[in-house]
Amino acid sequence: MDEHKNSSFIIMFSMIEIYKEKIRDLLKPKTPSETLKIKDDPHGTGTIIQNLHKECVYNKENLIKVLKKGEKRRITHESSSNSKSSRSHVIVMFEIMQRLQNGSEKRGVLNLVDLACSEKVLK
């Protein structure tokens, strides 16, 4: 039996910036940096960031809209190699949850990292 046939998926998206050793929530920028704490999940599911805003994404158009919203809030400055050079590290996080018909759940996390000034590597 195909276990995906009668299951549902939820995809949560979050985006943080690390600049001058401070964490910023790019989807909810008014969140005080001091409240964003990196911790081990007490349930043993990995590393979490407390008080980080997550948005549910439904389709690729919605994902692109949320990604652009976070990207606009990034700290950038002009450099000799790029008009919008990144000055911060950004981590884009996808949390994918699958609910199976029998009520059980599976969870996976994908983290994508954009390092500050990484465009210099391309030269």
PDB file of N, CA and C in Angstrom:
ATOM      1  N   MET A   1       0.833  -1.188   0.000  1.00  0.00           N
ATOM      2  CA  MET A   1       0.000   0.000   0.000  1.00  0.00           C
ATOM      3  C   MET A   1       0.876   1.250   0.000  1.00  0.00           C
ATOM      4  N   ASP A   2       0.512   2.218  -0.783  1.00  0.00           N
ATOM      5  CA  ASP A   2       1.266   3.461  -0.895  1.00  0.00           C
ATOM      6  C   ASP A   2       0.974   4.348   0.322  1.00  0.00           C
ATOM      7  N   GLU A   3       1.981   4.552   1.194  1.00  0.00           N
ATOM      8  CA  GLU A   3       1.763   5.316   2.425  1.00  0.00           C
ATOM      9  C   GLU A   3       1.545   6.802   2.171  1.00  0.00           C
ATOM     10  N   HIS A   4       1.915   7.297   0.991  1.00  0.00           N
ATOM     11  CA  HIS A   4       1.735   8.717   0.671  1.00  0.00           C
ATOM     12  C   HIS A   4       0.316   9.033   0.194  1.00  0.00           C
ATOM     13  N   LYS A   5      -0.393   8.013  -0.235  1.00  0.00           N
ATOM     14  CA  LYS A   5      -1.712   8.223  -0.837  1.00  0.00           C
ATOM     15  C   LYS A   5      -2.689   8.918   0.099  1.00  0.00           C
ATOM     16  N   ASN A   6      -2.739   8.511   1.342  1.00  0.00           N
ATOM     17  CA  ASN A   6      -3.687   9.072   2.300  1.00  0.00           C
ATOM     18  C   ASN A   6      -2.976   9.854   3.401  1.00  0.00           C
ATOM     19  N   SER A   7      -1.910  10.532   3.059  1.00  0.00           N
ATOM     20  CA  SER A   7      -1.196  11.331   4.051  1.00  0.00           C
ATOM     21  C   SER A   7      -1.250  12.799   3.641  1.00  0.00           C
ATOM     22  N   SER A   8      -0.999  13.649   4.613  1.00  0.00           N
ATOM     23  CA  SER A   8      -0.967  15.092   4.330  1.00  0.00           C
ATOM     24  C   SER A   8       0.402  15.628   4.690  1.00  0.00           C
ATOM     25  N   PHE A   9       0.774  16.709   4.027  1.00  0.00           N
ATOM     26  CA  PHE A   9       2.070  17.332   4.252  1.00  0.00           C
ATOM     27  C   PHE A   9       1.871  18.776   4.684  1.00  0.00           C
ATOM     28  N   ILE A  10       2.708  19.218   5.603  1.00  0.00           N
ATOM     29  CA  ILE A  10       2.744  20.614   6.024  1.00  0.00           C
ATOM     30  C   ILE A  10       4.189  21.069   5.888  1.00  0.00           C
ATOM     31  N   ILE A  11       4.390  22.213   5.232  1.00  0.00           N
ATOM     32  CA  ILE A  11       5.728  22.766   5.082  1.00  0.00           C
ATOM     33  C   ILE A  11       5.764  24.121   5.775  1.00  0.00           C
ATOM     34  N   MET A  12       6.649  24.228   6.772  1.00  0.00           N
ATOM     35  CA  MET A  12       6.840  25.475   7.508  1.00  0.00           C
ATOM     36  C   MET A  12       8.166  26.087   7.070  1.00  0.00           C
ATOM     37  N   PHE A  13       8.172  27.405   6.931  1.00  0.00           N
ATOM     38  CA  PHE A  13       9.329  28.137   6.415  1.00  0.00           C
ATOM     39  C   PHE A  13       9.736  29.184   7.437  1.00  0.00           C
ATOM     40  N   SER A  14      11.016  29.316   7.690  1.00  0.00           N
ATOM     41  CA  SER A  14      11.537  30.395   8.530  1.00  0.00           C
ATOM     42  C   SER A  14      12.872  30.853   7.952  1.00  0.00           C
ATOM     43  N   MET A  15      13.272  32.061   8.341  1.00  0.00           N
ATOM     44  CA  MET A  15      14.464  32.660   7.743  1.00  0.00           C
ATOM     45  C   MET A  15      15.127  33.566   8.772  1.00  0.00           C
ATOM     46  N   ILE A  16      16.406  33.296   9.066  1.00  0.00           N
ATOM     47  CA  ILE A  16      17.129  34.133  10.011  1.00  0.00           C
ATOM     48  C   ILE A  16      18.369  34.719   9.366  1.00  0.00           C
ATOM     49  N   GLU A  17      18.815  35.808   9.955  1.00  0.00           N
ATOM     50  CA  GLU A  17      20.045  36.471   9.540  1.00  0.00           C
ATOM     51  C   GLU A  17      20.951  36.517  10.761  1.00  0.00           C
ATOM     52  N   ILE A  18      22.214  36.239  10.555  1.00  0.00           N
ATOM     53  CA  ILE A  18      23.203  36.389  11.615  1.00  0.00           C
ATOM     54  C   ILE A  18      24.151  37.497  11.161  1.00  0.00           C
ATOM     55  N   TYR A  19      24.122  38.600  11.905  1.00  0.00           N
ATOM     56  CA  TYR A  19      24.910  39.785  11.560  1.00  0.00           C
ATOM     57  C   TYR A  19      25.523  40.333  12.842  1.00  0.00           C
ATOM     58  N   LYS A  20      26.832  40.488  12.829  1.00  0.00           N
ATOM     59  CA  LYS A  20      27.557  40.972  14.006  1.00  0.00           C
ATOM     60  C   LYS A  20      27.174  40.165  15.248  1.00  0.00           C
ATOM     61  N   GLU A  21      27.147  38.841  15.075  1.00  0.00           N
ATOM     62  CA  GLU A  21      26.887  37.878  16.142  1.00  0.00           C
ATOM     63  C   GLU A  21      25.500  37.993  16.773  1.00  0.00           C
ATOM     64  N   LYS A  22      24.560  38.630  16.078  1.00  0.00           N
ATOM     65  CA  LYS A  22      23.181  38.715  16.550  1.00  0.00           C
ATOM     66  C   LYS A  22      22.281  38.026  15.541  1.00  0.00           C
ATOM     67  N   ILE A  23      21.266  37.359  16.068  1.00  0.00           N
ATOM     68  CA  ILE A  23      20.298  36.668  15.226  1.00  0.00           C
ATOM     69  C   ILE A  23      19.100  37.585  15.011  1.00  0.00           C
ATOM     70  N   ARG A  24      18.650  37.672  13.746  1.00  0.00           N
ATOM     71  CA  ARG A  24      17.436  38.438  13.427  1.00  0.00           C
ATOM     72  C   ARG A  24      16.468  37.530  12.694  1.00  0.00           C
ATOM     73  N   ASP A  25      15.218  37.617  13.059  1.00  0.00           N
ATOM     74  CA  ASP A  25      14.157  36.890  12.379  1.00  0.00           C
ATOM     75  C   ASP A  25      13.739  37.742  11.189  1.00  0.00           C
ATOM     76  N   LEU A  26      14.016  37.287   9.980  1.00  0.00           N
ATOM     77  CA  LEU A  26      13.723  38.088   8.791  1.00  0.00           C
ATOM     78  C   LEU A  26      12.246  38.094   8.416  1.00  0.00           C
ATOM     79  N   LEU A  27      11.465  37.183   8.955  1.00  0.00           N
ATOM     80  CA  LEU A  27      10.033  37.189   8.675  1.00  0.00           C
ATOM     81  C   LEU A  27       9.262  38.011   9.708  1.00  0.00           C
ATOM     82  N   LYS A  28       9.852  38.247  10.842  1.00  0.00           N
ATOM     83  CA  LYS A  28       9.239  39.050  11.909  1.00  0.00           C
ATOM     84  C   LYS A  28      10.353  39.892  12.540  1.00  0.00           C
ATOM     85  N   PRO A  29      10.810  40.929  11.822  1.00  0.00           N
ATOM     86  CA  PRO A  29      12.016  41.654  12.235  1.00  0.00           C
ATOM     87  C   PRO A  29      11.905  42.420  13.553  1.00  0.00           C
ATOM     88  N   LYS A  30      10.705  42.651  14.057  1.00  0.00           N
ATOM     89  CA  LYS A  30      10.571  43.371  15.331  1.00  0.00           C
ATOM     90  C   LYS A  30      10.795  42.463  16.543  1.00  0.00           C
ATOM     91  N   THR A  31      11.023  41.169  16.293  1.00  0.00           N
ATOM     92  CA  THR A  31      11.316  40.244  17.387  1.00  0.00           C
ATOM     93  C   THR A  31      12.682  40.609  17.965  1.00  0.00           C
ATOM     94  N   PRO A  32      12.764  40.897  19.269  1.00  0.00           N
ATOM     95  CA  PRO A  32      14.062  41.242  19.866  1.00  0.00           C
ATOM     96  C   PRO A  32      15.062  40.100  19.717  1.00  0.00           C
ATOM     97  N   SER A  33      16.268  40.440  19.308  1.00  0.00           N
ATOM     98  CA  SER A  33      17.314  39.447  19.077  1.00  0.00           C
ATOM     99  C   SER A  33      17.579  38.601  20.322  1.00  0.00           C
ATOM    100  N   GLU A  34      17.458  39.229  21.496  1.00  0.00           N
ATOM    101  CA  GLU A  34      17.747  38.513  22.743  1.00  0.00           C
ATOM    102  C   GLU A  34      16.767  37.365  22.995  1.00  0.00           C
ATOM    103  N   THR A  35      15.579  37.431  22.389  1.00  0.00           N
ATOM    104  CA  THR A  35      14.588  36.382  22.629  1.00  0.00           C
ATOM    105  C   THR A  35      14.775  35.183  21.702  1.00  0.00           C
ATOM    106  N   LEU A  36      15.598  35.325  20.670  1.00  0.00           N
ATOM    107  CA  LEU A  36      15.856  34.219  19.745  1.00  0.00           C
ATOM    108  C   LEU A  36      17.027  33.402  20.288  1.00  0.00           C
ATOM    109  N   LYS A  37      16.720  32.311  20.925  1.00  0.00           N
ATOM    110  CA  LYS A  37      17.734  31.480  21.587  1.00  0.00           C
ATOM    111  C   LYS A  37      17.921  30.172  20.832  1.00  0.00           C
ATOM    112  N   ILE A  38      19.169  29.835  20.546  1.00  0.00           N
ATOM    113  CA  ILE A  38      19.493  28.560  19.901  1.00  0.00           C
ATOM    114  C   ILE A  38      19.629  27.516  20.996  1.00  0.00           C
ATOM    115  N   LYS A  39      18.826  26.451  20.881  1.00  0.00           N
ATOM    116  CA  LYS A  39      18.802  25.411  21.918  1.00  0.00           C
ATOM    117  C   LYS A  39      18.661  24.039  21.278  1.00  0.00           C
ATOM    118  N   ASP A  40      19.041  23.022  22.031  1.00  0.00           N
ATOM    119  CA  ASP A  40      18.729  21.646  21.635  1.00  0.00           C
ATOM    120  C   ASP A  40      17.282  21.389  21.996  1.00  0.00           C
ATOM    121  N   ASP A  41      16.544  20.815  21.076  1.00  0.00           N
ATOM    122  CA  ASP A  41      15.140  20.490  21.327  1.00  0.00           C
ATOM    123  C   ASP A  41      15.066  19.466  22.455  1.00  0.00           C
ATOM    124  N   PRO A  42      14.269  19.742  23.486  1.00  0.00           N
ATOM    125  CA  PRO A  42      14.171  18.798  24.611  1.00  0.00           C
ATOM    126  C   PRO A  42      13.613  17.431  24.212  1.00  0.00           C
ATOM    127  N   HIS A  43      12.963  17.345  23.053  1.00  0.00           N
ATOM    128  CA  HIS A  43      12.407  16.073  22.581  1.00  0.00           C
ATOM    129  C   HIS A  43      13.405  15.295  21.724  1.00  0.00           C
ATOM    130  N   GLY A  44      14.632  15.825  21.620  1.00  0.00           N
ATOM    131  CA  GLY A  44      15.681  15.123  20.893  1.00  0.00           C
ATOM    132  C   GLY A  44      15.569  15.183  19.381  1.00  0.00           C
ATOM    133  N   THR A  45      14.873  16.205  18.848  1.00  0.00           N
ATOM    134  CA  THR A  45      14.696  16.275  17.393  1.00  0.00           C
ATOM    135  C   THR A  45      15.704  17.205  16.721  1.00  0.00           C
ATOM    136  N   GLY A  46      16.694  17.692  17.457  1.00  0.00           N
ATOM    137  CA  GLY A  46      17.717  18.534  16.853  1.00  0.00           C
ATOM    138  C   GLY A  46      17.797  19.905  17.498  1.00  0.00           C
ATOM    139  N   THR A  47      18.364  20.840  16.753  1.00  0.00           N
ATOM    140  CA  THR A  47      18.552  22.206  17.236  1.00  0.00           C
ATOM    141  C   THR A  47      17.355  23.053  16.837  1.00  0.00           C
ATOM    142  N   ILE A  48      16.904  23.901  17.750  1.00  0.00           N
ATOM    143  CA  ILE A  48      15.778  24.790  17.472  1.00  0.00           C
ATOM    144  C   ILE A  48      16.161  26.223  17.838  1.00  0.00           C
ATOM    145  N   ILE A  49      15.406  27.171  17.307  1.00  0.00           N
ATOM    146  CA  ILE A  49      15.557  28.568  17.692  1.00  0.00           C
ATOM    147  C   ILE A  49      14.241  28.980  18.335  1.00  0.00           C
ATOM    148  N   GLN A  50      14.299  29.226  19.632  1.00  0.00           N
ATOM    149  CA  GLN A  50      13.097  29.609  20.364  1.00  0.00           C
ATOM    150  C   GLN A  50      12.590  30.956  19.875  1.00  0.00           C
ATOM    151  N   ASN A  51      11.279  31.098  19.824  1.00  0.00           N
ATOM    152  CA  ASN A  51      10.578  32.339  19.448  1.00  0.00           C
ATOM    153  C   ASN A  51      10.753  32.731  17.985  1.00  0.00           C
ATOM    154  N   LEU A  52      11.210  31.809  17.150  1.00  0.00           N
ATOM    155  CA  LEU A  52      11.366  32.080  15.725  1.00  0.00           C
ATOM    156  C   LEU A  52      10.018  31.958  15.029  1.00  0.00           C
ATOM    157  N   HIS A  53       9.697  32.935  14.203  1.00  0.00           N
ATOM    158  CA  HIS A  53       8.439  32.925  13.458  1.00  0.00           C
ATOM    159  C   HIS A  53       8.539  31.935  12.300  1.00  0.00           C
ATOM    160  N   LYS A  54       7.505  31.125  12.133  1.00  0.00           N
ATOM    161  CA  LYS A  54       7.428  30.176  11.021  1.00  0.00           C
ATOM    162  C   LYS A  54       6.165  30.472  10.238  1.00  0.00           C
ATOM    163  N   GLU A  55       6.274  30.361   8.925  1.00  0.00           N
ATOM    164  CA  GLU A  55       5.091  30.551   8.073  1.00  0.00           C
ATOM    165  C   GLU A  55       4.844  29.272   7.301  1.00  0.00           C
ATOM    166  N   CYS A  56       3.593  28.893   7.228  1.00  0.00           N
ATOM    167  CA  CYS A  56       3.195  27.732   6.453  1.00  0.00           C
ATOM    168  C   CYS A  56       3.187  28.131   4.980  1.00  0.00           C
ATOM    169  N   VAL A  57       3.823  27.333   4.138  1.00  0.00           N
ATOM    170  CA  VAL A  57       3.815  27.616   2.700  1.00  0.00           C
ATOM    171  C   VAL A  57       2.966  26.554   2.006  1.00  0.00           C
ATOM    172  N   TYR A  58       2.140  27.025   1.076  1.00  0.00           N
ATOM    173  CA  TYR A  58       1.140  26.162   0.434  1.00  0.00           C
ATOM    174  C   TYR A  58       1.497  25.780  -0.997  1.00  0.00           C
ATOM    175  N   ASN A  59       2.215  26.653  -1.675  1.00  0.00           N
ATOM    176  CA  ASN A  59       2.578  26.408  -3.069  1.00  0.00           C
ATOM    177  C   ASN A  59       3.817  27.231  -3.400  1.00  0.00           C
ATOM    178  N   LYS A  60       4.336  27.076  -4.602  1.00  0.00           N
ATOM    179  CA  LYS A  60       5.587  27.764  -4.927  1.00  0.00           C
ATOM    180  C   LYS A  60       5.421  29.274  -4.981  1.00  0.00           C
ATOM    181  N   GLU A  61       4.261  29.762  -5.391  1.00  0.00           N
ATOM    182  CA  GLU A  61       4.038  31.214  -5.439  1.00  0.00           C
ATOM    183  C   GLU A  61       4.076  31.809  -4.033  1.00  0.00           C
ATOM    184  N   ASN A  62       3.424  31.122  -3.093  1.00  0.00           N
ATOM    185  CA  ASN A  62       3.428  31.557  -1.700  1.00  0.00           C
ATOM    186  C   ASN A  62       4.841  31.519  -1.125  1.00  0.00           C
ATOM    187  N   LEU A  63       5.591  30.472  -1.444  1.00  0.00           N
ATOM    188  CA  LEU A  63       6.967  30.347  -0.970  1.00  0.00           C
ATOM    189  C   LEU A  63       7.822  31.495  -1.498  1.00  0.00           C
ATOM    190  N   ILE A  64       7.710  31.800  -2.774  1.00  0.00           N
ATOM    191  CA  ILE A  64       8.499  32.882  -3.367  1.00  0.00           C
ATOM    192  C   ILE A  64       8.153  34.217  -2.710  1.00  0.00           C
ATOM    193  N   LYS A  65       6.885  34.449  -2.444  1.00  0.00           N
ATOM    194  CA  LYS A  65       6.450  35.691  -1.792  1.00  0.00           C
ATOM    195  C   LYS A  65       7.078  35.828  -0.397  1.00  0.00           C
ATOM    196  N   VAL A  66       7.045  34.761   0.389  1.00  0.00           N
ATOM    197  CA  VAL A  66       7.609  34.792   1.743  1.00  0.00           C
ATOM    198  C   VAL A  66       9.128  34.934   1.687  1.00  0.00           C
ATOM    199  N   LEU A  67       9.765  34.247   0.758  1.00  0.00           N
ATOM    200  CA  LEU A  67      11.216  34.336   0.599  1.00  0.00           C
ATOM    201  C   LEU A  67      11.637  35.757   0.230  1.00  0.00           C
ATOM    202  N   LYS A  68      10.912  36.385  -0.684  1.00  0.00           N
ATOM    203  CA  LYS A  68      11.220  37.763  -1.077  1.00  0.00           C
ATOM    204  C   LYS A  68      11.033  38.731   0.091  1.00  0.00           C
ATOM    205  N   LYS A  69      10.011  38.492   0.909  1.00  0.00           N
ATOM    206  CA  LYS A  69       9.766  39.340   2.078  1.00  0.00           C
ATOM    207  C   LYS A  69      10.983  39.300   3.004  1.00  0.00           C
ATOM    208  N   GLY A  70      11.498  38.110   3.275  1.00  0.00           N
ATOM    209  CA  GLY A  70      12.677  37.976   4.129  1.00  0.00           C
ATOM    210  C   GLY A  70      13.921  38.539   3.485  1.00  0.00           C
ATOM    211  N   GLU A  71      14.081  38.317   2.192  1.00  0.00           N
ATOM    212  CA  GLU A  71      15.270  38.793   1.474  1.00  0.00           C
ATOM    213  C   GLU A  71      15.351  40.322   1.492  1.00  0.00           C
ATOM    214  N   LYS A  72      14.213  41.000   1.400  1.00  0.00           N
ATOM    215  CA  LYS A  72      14.193  42.471   1.438  1.00  0.00           C
ATOM    216  C   LYS A  72      14.730  43.027   2.747  1.00  0.00           C
ATOM    217  N   ARG A  73      14.592  42.261   3.812  1.00  0.00           N
ATOM    218  CA  ARG A  73      14.976  42.725   5.146  1.00  0.00           C
ATOM    219  C   ARG A  73      16.429  42.419   5.494  1.00  0.00           C
ATOM    220  N   ARG A  74      17.139  41.781   4.592  1.00  0.00           N
ATOM    221  CA  ARG A  74      18.548  41.452   4.810  1.00  0.00           C
ATOM    222  C   ARG A  74      19.416  42.692   4.809  1.00  0.00           C
ATOM    223  N   ILE A  75      20.496  42.653   5.565  1.00  0.00           N
ATOM    224  CA  ILE A  75      21.445  43.762   5.588  1.00  0.00           C
ATOM    225  C   ILE A  75      22.420  43.572   4.428  1.00  0.00           C
ATOM    226  N   THR A  76      22.439  44.544   3.521  1.00  0.00           N
ATOM    227  CA  THR A  76      23.349  44.505   2.376  1.00  0.00           C
ATOM    228  C   THR A  76      24.006  45.873   2.204  1.00  0.00           C
ATOM    229  N   HIS A  77      25.149  45.875   1.557  1.00  0.00           N
ATOM    230  CA  HIS A  77      25.854  47.105   1.203  1.00  0.00           C
ATOM    231  C   HIS A  77      26.509  46.891  -0.147  1.00  0.00           C
ATOM    232  N   GLU A  78      26.742  47.973  -0.836  1.00  0.00           N
ATOM    233  CA  GLU A  78      27.408  47.885  -2.136  1.00  0.00           C
ATOM    234  C   GLU A  78      28.873  47.525  -1.935  1.00  0.00           C
ATOM    235  N   SER A  79      29.381  46.681  -2.822  1.00  0.00           N
ATOM    236  CA  SER A  79      30.806  46.337  -2.819  1.00  0.00           C
ATOM    237  C   SER A  79      31.317  46.437  -4.246  1.00  0.00           C
ATOM    238  N   SER A  80      32.601  46.248  -4.418  1.00  0.00           N
ATOM    239  CA  SER A  80      33.174  46.347  -5.767  1.00  0.00           C
ATOM    240  C   SER A  80      32.692  45.222  -6.684  1.00  0.00           C
ATOM    241  N   SER A  81      32.271  44.107  -6.100  1.00  0.00           N
ATOM    242  CA  SER A  81      31.839  42.979  -6.921  1.00  0.00           C
ATOM    243  C   SER A  81      30.326  42.832  -7.030  1.00  0.00           C
ATOM    244  N   ASN A  82      29.568  43.592  -6.221  1.00  0.00           N
ATOM    245  CA  ASN A  82      28.127  43.370  -6.185  1.00  0.00           C
ATOM    246  C   ASN A  82      27.432  44.613  -5.635  1.00  0.00           C
ATOM    247  N   SER A  83      26.352  45.035  -6.282  1.00  0.00           N
ATOM    248  CA  SER A  83      25.620  46.218  -5.809  1.00  0.00           C
ATOM    249  C   SER A  83      24.839  45.948  -4.526  1.00  0.00           C
ATOM    250  N   LYS A  84      24.543  44.693  -4.247  1.00  0.00           N
ATOM    251  CA  LYS A  84      23.830  44.333  -3.006  1.00  0.00           C
ATOM    252  C   LYS A  84      24.570  43.196  -2.319  1.00  0.00           C
ATOM    253  N   SER A  85      25.785  43.462  -1.905  1.00  0.00           N
ATOM    254  CA  SER A  85      26.604  42.441  -1.277  1.00  0.00           C
ATOM    255  C   SER A  85      26.058  42.097   0.108  1.00  0.00           C
ATOM    256  N   SER A  86      25.946  40.811   0.383  1.00  0.00           N
ATOM    257  CA  SER A  86      25.449  40.395   1.690  1.00  0.00           C
ATOM    258  C   SER A  86      26.518  40.627   2.741  1.00  0.00           C
ATOM    259  N   ARG A  87      26.106  41.151   3.860  1.00  0.00           N
ATOM    260  CA  ARG A  87      26.995  41.393   4.987  1.00  0.00           C
ATOM    261  C   ARG A  87      26.677  40.450   6.142  1.00  0.00           C
ATOM    262  N   SER A  88      25.754  39.559   5.901  1.00  0.00           N
ATOM    263  CA  SER A  88      25.305  38.673   6.966  1.00  0.00           C
ATOM    264  C   SER A  88      25.189  37.247   6.433  1.00  0.00           C
ATOM    265  N   HIS A  89      25.144  36.328   7.361  1.00  0.00           N
ATOM    266  CA  HIS A  89      24.828  34.945   7.026  1.00  0.00           C
ATOM    267  C   HIS A  89      23.313  34.812   7.107  1.00  0.00           C
ATOM    268  N   VAL A  90      22.731  34.073   6.193  1.00  0.00           N
ATOM    269  CA  VAL A  90      21.291  33.831   6.237  1.00  0.00           C
ATOM    270  C   VAL A  90      21.064  32.325   6.205  1.00  0.00           C
ATOM    271  N   ILE A  91      20.131  31.890   7.056  1.00  0.00           N
ATOM    272  CA  ILE A  91      19.740  30.485   7.075  1.00  0.00           C
ATOM    273  C   ILE A  91      18.248  30.414   6.781  1.00  0.00           C
ATOM    274  N   VAL A  92      17.917  29.687   5.729  1.00  0.00           N
ATOM    275  CA  VAL A  92      16.536  29.446   5.338  1.00  0.00           C
ATOM    276  C   VAL A  92      16.212  28.031   5.796  1.00  0.00           C
ATOM    277  N   MET A  93      15.114  27.893   6.546  1.00  0.00           N
ATOM    278  CA  MET A  93      14.768  26.606   7.129  1.00  0.00           C
ATOM    279  C   MET A  93      13.400  26.134   6.647  1.00  0.00           C
ATOM    280  N   PHE A  94      13.371  24.898   6.213  1.00  0.00           N
ATOM    281  CA  PHE A  94      12.123  24.236   5.832  1.00  0.00           C
ATOM    282  C   PHE A  94      11.898  23.094   6.812  1.00  0.00           C
ATOM    283  N   GLU A  95      10.748  23.072   7.433  1.00  0.00           N
ATOM    284  CA  GLU A  95      10.363  21.952   8.288  1.00  0.00           C
ATOM    285  C   GLU A  95       9.203  21.263   7.594  1.00  0.00           C
ATOM    286  N   ILE A  96       9.399  20.009   7.230  1.00  0.00           N
ATOM    287  CA  ILE A  96       8.400  19.269   6.475  1.00  0.00           C
ATOM    288  C   ILE A  96       7.829  18.181   7.372  1.00  0.00           C
ATOM    289  N   MET A  97       6.512  18.210   7.547  1.00  0.00           N
ATOM    290  CA  MET A  97       5.841  17.223   8.389  1.00  0.00           C
ATOM    291  C   MET A  97       4.850  16.436   7.539  1.00  0.00           C
ATOM    292  N   GLN A  98       4.869  15.133   7.711  1.00  0.00           N
ATOM    293  CA  GLN A  98       3.941  14.253   7.020  1.00  0.00           C
ATOM    294  C   GLN A  98       3.073  13.566   8.056  1.00  0.00           C
ATOM    295  N   ARG A  99       1.770  13.681   7.896  1.00  0.00           N
ATOM    296  CA  ARG A  99       0.827  12.973   8.770  1.00  0.00           C
ATOM    297  C   ARG A  99       0.265  11.796   7.976  1.00  0.00           C
ATOM    298  N   LEU A 100       0.492  10.623   8.526  1.00  0.00           N
ATOM    299  CA  LEU A 100       0.018   9.420   7.865  1.00  0.00           C
ATOM    300  C   LEU A 100      -1.411   9.109   8.287  1.00  0.00           C
ATOM    301  N   GLN A 101      -2.069   8.296   7.514  1.00  0.00           N
ATOM    302  CA  GLN A 101      -3.465   7.951   7.774  1.00  0.00           C
ATOM    303  C   GLN A 101      -3.654   7.306   9.148  1.00  0.00           C
ATOM    304  N   ASN A 102      -2.661   6.584   9.628  1.00  0.00           N
ATOM    305  CA  ASN A 102      -2.777   5.916  10.931  1.00  0.00           C
ATOM    306  C   ASN A 102      -2.542   6.865  12.115  1.00  0.00           C
ATOM    307  N   GLY A 103      -2.314   8.166  11.827  1.00  0.00           N
ATOM    308  CA  GLY A 103      -2.123   9.156  12.883  1.00  0.00           C
ATOM    309  C   GLY A 103      -0.679   9.433  13.239  1.00  0.00           C
ATOM    310  N   SER A 104       0.243   8.638  12.740  1.00  0.00           N
ATOM    311  CA  SER A 104       1.653   8.876  13.040  1.00  0.00           C
ATOM    312  C   SER A 104       2.190  10.023  12.182  1.00  0.00           C
ATOM    313  N   GLU A 105       3.312  10.572  12.599  1.00  0.00           N
ATOM    314  CA  GLU A 105       3.920  11.696  11.885  1.00  0.00           C
ATOM    315  C   GLU A 105       5.382  11.429  11.604  1.00  0.00           C
ATOM    316  N   LYS A 106       5.847  11.982  10.504  1.00  0.00           N
ATOM    317  CA  LYS A 106       7.267  11.991  10.160  1.00  0.00           C
ATOM    318  C   LYS A 106       7.647  13.451  10.000  1.00  0.00           C
ATOM    319  N   ARG A 107       8.883  13.780  10.342  1.00  0.00           N
ATOM    320  CA  ARG A 107       9.332  15.170  10.291  1.00  0.00           C
ATOM    321  C   ARG A 107      10.749  15.215   9.749  1.00  0.00           C
ATOM    322  N   GLY A 108      11.005  16.199   8.893  1.00  0.00           N
ATOM    323  CA  GLY A 108      12.345  16.426   8.376  1.00  0.00           C
ATOM    324  C   GLY A 108      12.618  17.917   8.302  1.00  0.00           C
ATOM    325  N   VAL A 109      13.881  18.279   8.424  1.00  0.00           N
ATOM    326  CA  VAL A 109      14.266  19.687   8.377  1.00  0.00           C
ATOM    327  C   VAL A 109      15.367  19.855   7.338  1.00  0.00           C
ATOM    328  N   LEU A 110      15.227  20.880   6.509  1.00  0.00           N
ATOM    329  CA  LEU A 110      16.240  21.227   5.521  1.00  0.00           C
ATOM    330  C   LEU A 110      16.681  22.649   5.810  1.00  0.00           C
ATOM    331  N   ASN A 111      17.984  22.845   6.026  1.00  0.00           N
ATOM    332  CA  ASN A 111      18.549  24.169   6.264  1.00  0.00           C
ATOM    333  C   ASN A 111      19.441  24.543   5.085  1.00  0.00           C
ATOM    334  N   LEU A 112      19.186  25.715   4.518  1.00  0.00           N
ATOM    335  CA  LEU A 112      20.011  26.234   3.435  1.00  0.00           C
ATOM    336  C   LEU A 112      20.733  27.463   3.963  1.00  0.00           C
ATOM    337  N   VAL A 113      22.052  27.556   3.735  1.00  0.00           N
ATOM    338  CA  VAL A 113      22.863  28.623   4.312  1.00  0.00           C
ATOM    339  C   VAL A 113      23.494  29.453   3.206  1.00  0.00           C
ATOM    340  N   ASP A 114      23.361  30.781   3.333  1.00  0.00           N
ATOM    341  CA  ASP A 114      24.034  31.726   2.452  1.00  0.00           C
ATOM    342  C   ASP A 114      25.040  32.478   3.310  1.00  0.00           C
ATOM    343  N   LEU A 115      26.318  32.241   3.071  1.00  0.00           N
ATOM    344  CA  LEU A 115      27.358  32.870   3.880  1.00  0.00           C
ATOM    345  C   LEU A 115      27.638  34.295   3.416  1.00  0.00           C
ATOM    346  N   ALA A 116      27.951  35.166   4.354  1.00  0.00           N
ATOM    347  CA  ALA A 116      28.258  36.565   4.044  1.00  0.00           C
ATOM    348  C   ALA A 116      29.425  36.631   3.074  1.00  0.00           C
ATOM    349  N   CYS A 117      29.294  37.535   2.115  1.00  0.00           N
ATOM    350  CA  CYS A 117      30.339  37.806   1.115  1.00  0.00           C
ATOM    351  C   CYS A 117      30.739  36.579   0.305  1.00  0.00           C
ATOM    352  N   SER A 118      29.855  35.601   0.189  1.00  0.00           N
ATOM    353  CA  SER A 118      30.205  34.382  -0.543  1.00  0.00           C
ATOM    354  C   SER A 118      30.311  34.628  -2.039  1.00  0.00           C
ATOM    355  N   GLU A 119      29.818  35.793  -2.536  1.00  0.00           N
ATOM    356  CA  GLU A 119      29.960  36.068  -3.959  1.00  0.00           C
ATOM    357  C   GLU A 119      31.420  36.235  -4.367  1.00  0.00           C
ATOM    358  N   LYS A 120      32.312  36.500  -3.424  1.00  0.00           N
ATOM    359  CA  LYS A 120      33.739  36.640  -3.724  1.00  0.00           C
ATOM    360  C   LYS A 120      34.325  35.315  -4.218  1.00  0.00           C
ATOM    361  N   VAL A 121      33.731  34.192  -3.797  1.00  0.00           N
ATOM    362  CA  VAL A 121      34.213  32.876  -4.186  1.00  0.00           C
ATOM    363  C   VAL A 121      34.070  32.675  -5.696  1.00  0.00           C
ATOM    364  N   LEU A 122      33.106  33.327  -6.312  1.00  0.00           N
ATOM    365  CA  LEU A 122      32.830  33.134  -7.732  1.00  0.00           C
ATOM    366  C   LEU A 122      33.842  33.848  -8.630  1.00  0.00           C
ATOM    367  N   LYS A 123      34.631  34.735  -8.121  1.00  0.00           N
ATOM    368  CA  LYS A 123      35.589  35.491  -8.947  1.00  0.00           C
ATOM    369  C   LYS A 123      36.779  34.677  -9.337  1.00  0.00           C
TER     370      LYS A 123
END
